[in-house]
Amino acid sequence: MLRFELVRTEDVSGSSGVGVVAEGIEFSDGRVALRWRVPPCSTALYDSATDLIAIHGHEGRTAIRYIDPPFP
């Protein structure tokens, strides 16, 4: 598993703020679990990190910052 943070540089929706807004895990099969740090602190599952960014990326204003090194 790879741990990551979802980092937002601009909050276009006005709901999550900027900086680290969520924490996540990417599993070895590519699926992703994401936990929002802002209330109501929901948890969501995605088929891939690409899908997560397609939904929450806000046209480049949000990025995944990995904490762990990539899979070997």
C-alpha atoms as a PDB file:
ATOM      1  CA  MET A   1       0.000   0.000   0.000  1.00  0.00           C
ATOM      2  CA  LEU A   2       1.103   3.558  -0.697  1.00  0.00           C
ATOM      3  CA  ARG A   3       0.014   6.359   1.584  1.00  0.00           C
ATOM      4  CA  PHE A   4      -0.704   9.775   0.098  1.00  0.00           C
ATOM      5  CA  GLU A   5      -2.165  13.183   0.826  1.00  0.00           C
ATOM      6  CA  LEU A   6      -4.555  15.094  -1.404  1.00  0.00           C
ATOM      7  CA  VAL A   7      -3.196  18.633  -1.603  1.00  0.00           C
ATOM      8  CA  ARG A   8      -5.334  21.503  -2.864  1.00  0.00           C
ATOM      9  CA  THR A   9      -3.830  24.841  -3.963  1.00  0.00           C
ATOM     10  CA  GLU A  10      -7.174  26.539  -4.621  1.00  0.00           C
ATOM     11  CA  ASP A  11     -10.618  25.651  -3.269  1.00  0.00           C
ATOM     12  CA  VAL A  12     -12.892  26.304  -6.250  1.00  0.00           C
ATOM     13  CA  SER A  13     -15.917  24.711  -4.561  1.00  0.00           C
ATOM     14  CA  GLY A  14     -15.518  26.612  -1.293  1.00  0.00           C
ATOM     15  CA  SER A  15     -15.991  23.472   0.791  1.00  0.00           C
ATOM     16  CA  SER A  16     -12.637  21.830   1.503  1.00  0.00           C
ATOM     17  CA  GLY A  17     -10.104  24.620   1.964  1.00  0.00           C
ATOM     18  CA  VAL A  18      -6.496  24.536   0.772  1.00  0.00           C
ATOM     19  CA  GLY A  19      -3.457  22.505   1.786  1.00  0.00           C
ATOM     20  CA  VAL A  20      -3.805  18.856   2.778  1.00  0.00           C
ATOM     21  CA  VAL A  21      -7.545  18.193   2.518  1.00  0.00           C
ATOM     22  CA  ALA A  22      -7.605  14.377   2.506  1.00  0.00           C
ATOM     23  CA  GLU A  23      -5.528  11.291   3.267  1.00  0.00           C
ATOM     24  CA  GLY A  24      -5.456   8.146   1.231  1.00  0.00           C
ATOM     25  CA  ILE A  25      -4.070   4.750   0.420  1.00  0.00           C
ATOM     26  CA  GLU A  26      -3.371   3.289  -2.997  1.00  0.00           C
ATOM     27  CA  PHE A  27      -3.541  -0.504  -2.935  1.00  0.00           C
ATOM     28  CA  SER A  28      -1.225  -2.725  -4.972  1.00  0.00           C
ATOM     29  CA  ASP A  29      -4.043  -3.396  -7.475  1.00  0.00           C
ATOM     30  CA  GLY A  30      -4.363   0.355  -8.181  1.00  0.00           C
ATOM     31  CA  ARG A  31      -7.587   0.977  -6.283  1.00  0.00           C
ATOM     32  CA  VAL A  32      -7.673   3.955  -3.911  1.00  0.00           C
ATOM     33  CA  ALA A  33      -9.301   4.723  -0.551  1.00  0.00           C
ATOM     34  CA  LEU A  34      -9.658   8.403   0.387  1.00  0.00           C
ATOM     35  CA  ARG A  35     -10.629   9.969   3.727  1.00  0.00           C
ATOM     36  CA  TRP A  36     -11.502  13.682   3.781  1.00  0.00           C
ATOM     37  CA  ARG A  37     -10.021  15.726   6.647  1.00  0.00           C
ATOM     38  CA  VAL A  38     -12.753  18.362   6.556  1.00  0.00           C
ATOM     39  CA  PRO A  39     -16.224  17.782   8.026  1.00  0.00           C
ATOM     40  CA  PRO A  40     -18.225  15.693   7.418  1.00  0.00           C
ATOM     41  CA  CYS A  41     -15.018  13.595   6.970  1.00  0.00           C
ATOM     42  CA  SER A  42     -16.416  11.053   4.513  1.00  0.00           C
ATOM     43  CA  THR A  43     -14.553   8.061   3.074  1.00  0.00           C
ATOM     44  CA  ALA A  44     -14.667   7.065  -0.594  1.00  0.00           C
ATOM     45  CA  LEU A  45     -13.261   4.352  -2.853  1.00  0.00           C
ATOM     46  CA  TYR A  46     -12.026   4.845  -6.429  1.00  0.00           C
ATOM     47  CA  ASP A  47     -10.872   2.420  -9.096  1.00  0.00           C
ATOM     48  CA  SER A  48      -7.626   4.388  -9.560  1.00  0.00           C
ATOM     49  CA  ALA A  49      -5.717   7.525  -8.592  1.00  0.00           C
ATOM     50  CA  THR A  50      -6.445   8.774 -12.109  1.00  0.00           C
ATOM     51  CA  ASP A  51     -10.180   8.496 -11.448  1.00  0.00           C
ATOM     52  CA  LEU A  52      -9.802  10.301  -8.118  1.00  0.00           C
ATOM     53  CA  ILE A  53      -7.996  13.228  -9.789  1.00  0.00           C
ATOM     54  CA  ALA A  54     -10.508  13.292 -12.648  1.00  0.00           C
ATOM     55  CA  ILE A  55     -13.248  13.842 -10.062  1.00  0.00           C
ATOM     56  CA  HIS A  56     -11.495  15.990  -7.437  1.00  0.00           C
ATOM     57  CA  GLY A  57      -8.537  17.515  -9.311  1.00  0.00           C
ATOM     58  CA  HIS A  58     -10.259  20.823 -10.096  1.00  0.00           C
ATOM     59  CA  GLU A  59      -8.294  21.273 -13.326  1.00  0.00           C
ATOM     60  CA  GLY A  60      -4.839  20.974 -11.771  1.00  0.00           C
ATOM     61  CA  ARG A  61      -5.606  22.746  -8.505  1.00  0.00           C
ATOM     62  CA  THR A  62      -5.432  19.488  -6.538  1.00  0.00           C
ATOM     63  CA  ALA A  63      -2.695  16.855  -6.613  1.00  0.00           C
ATOM     64  CA  ILE A  64      -1.733  13.589  -4.989  1.00  0.00           C
ATOM     65  CA  ARG A  65       1.454  13.805  -2.911  1.00  0.00           C
ATOM     66  CA  TYR A  66       2.765  10.326  -2.126  1.00  0.00           C
ATOM     67  CA  ILE A  67       4.291   9.708   1.298  1.00  0.00           C
ATOM     68  CA  ASP A  68       5.637   6.233   0.529  1.00  0.00           C
ATOM     69  CA  PRO A  69       8.004   5.250  -2.287  1.00  0.00           C
ATOM     70  CA  PRO A  70       6.434   3.715  -5.415  1.00  0.00           C
ATOM     71  CA  PHE A  71       5.834  -0.014  -5.729  1.00  0.00           C
ATOM     72  CA  PRO A  72       8.931  -1.984  -6.822  1.00  0.00           C
END
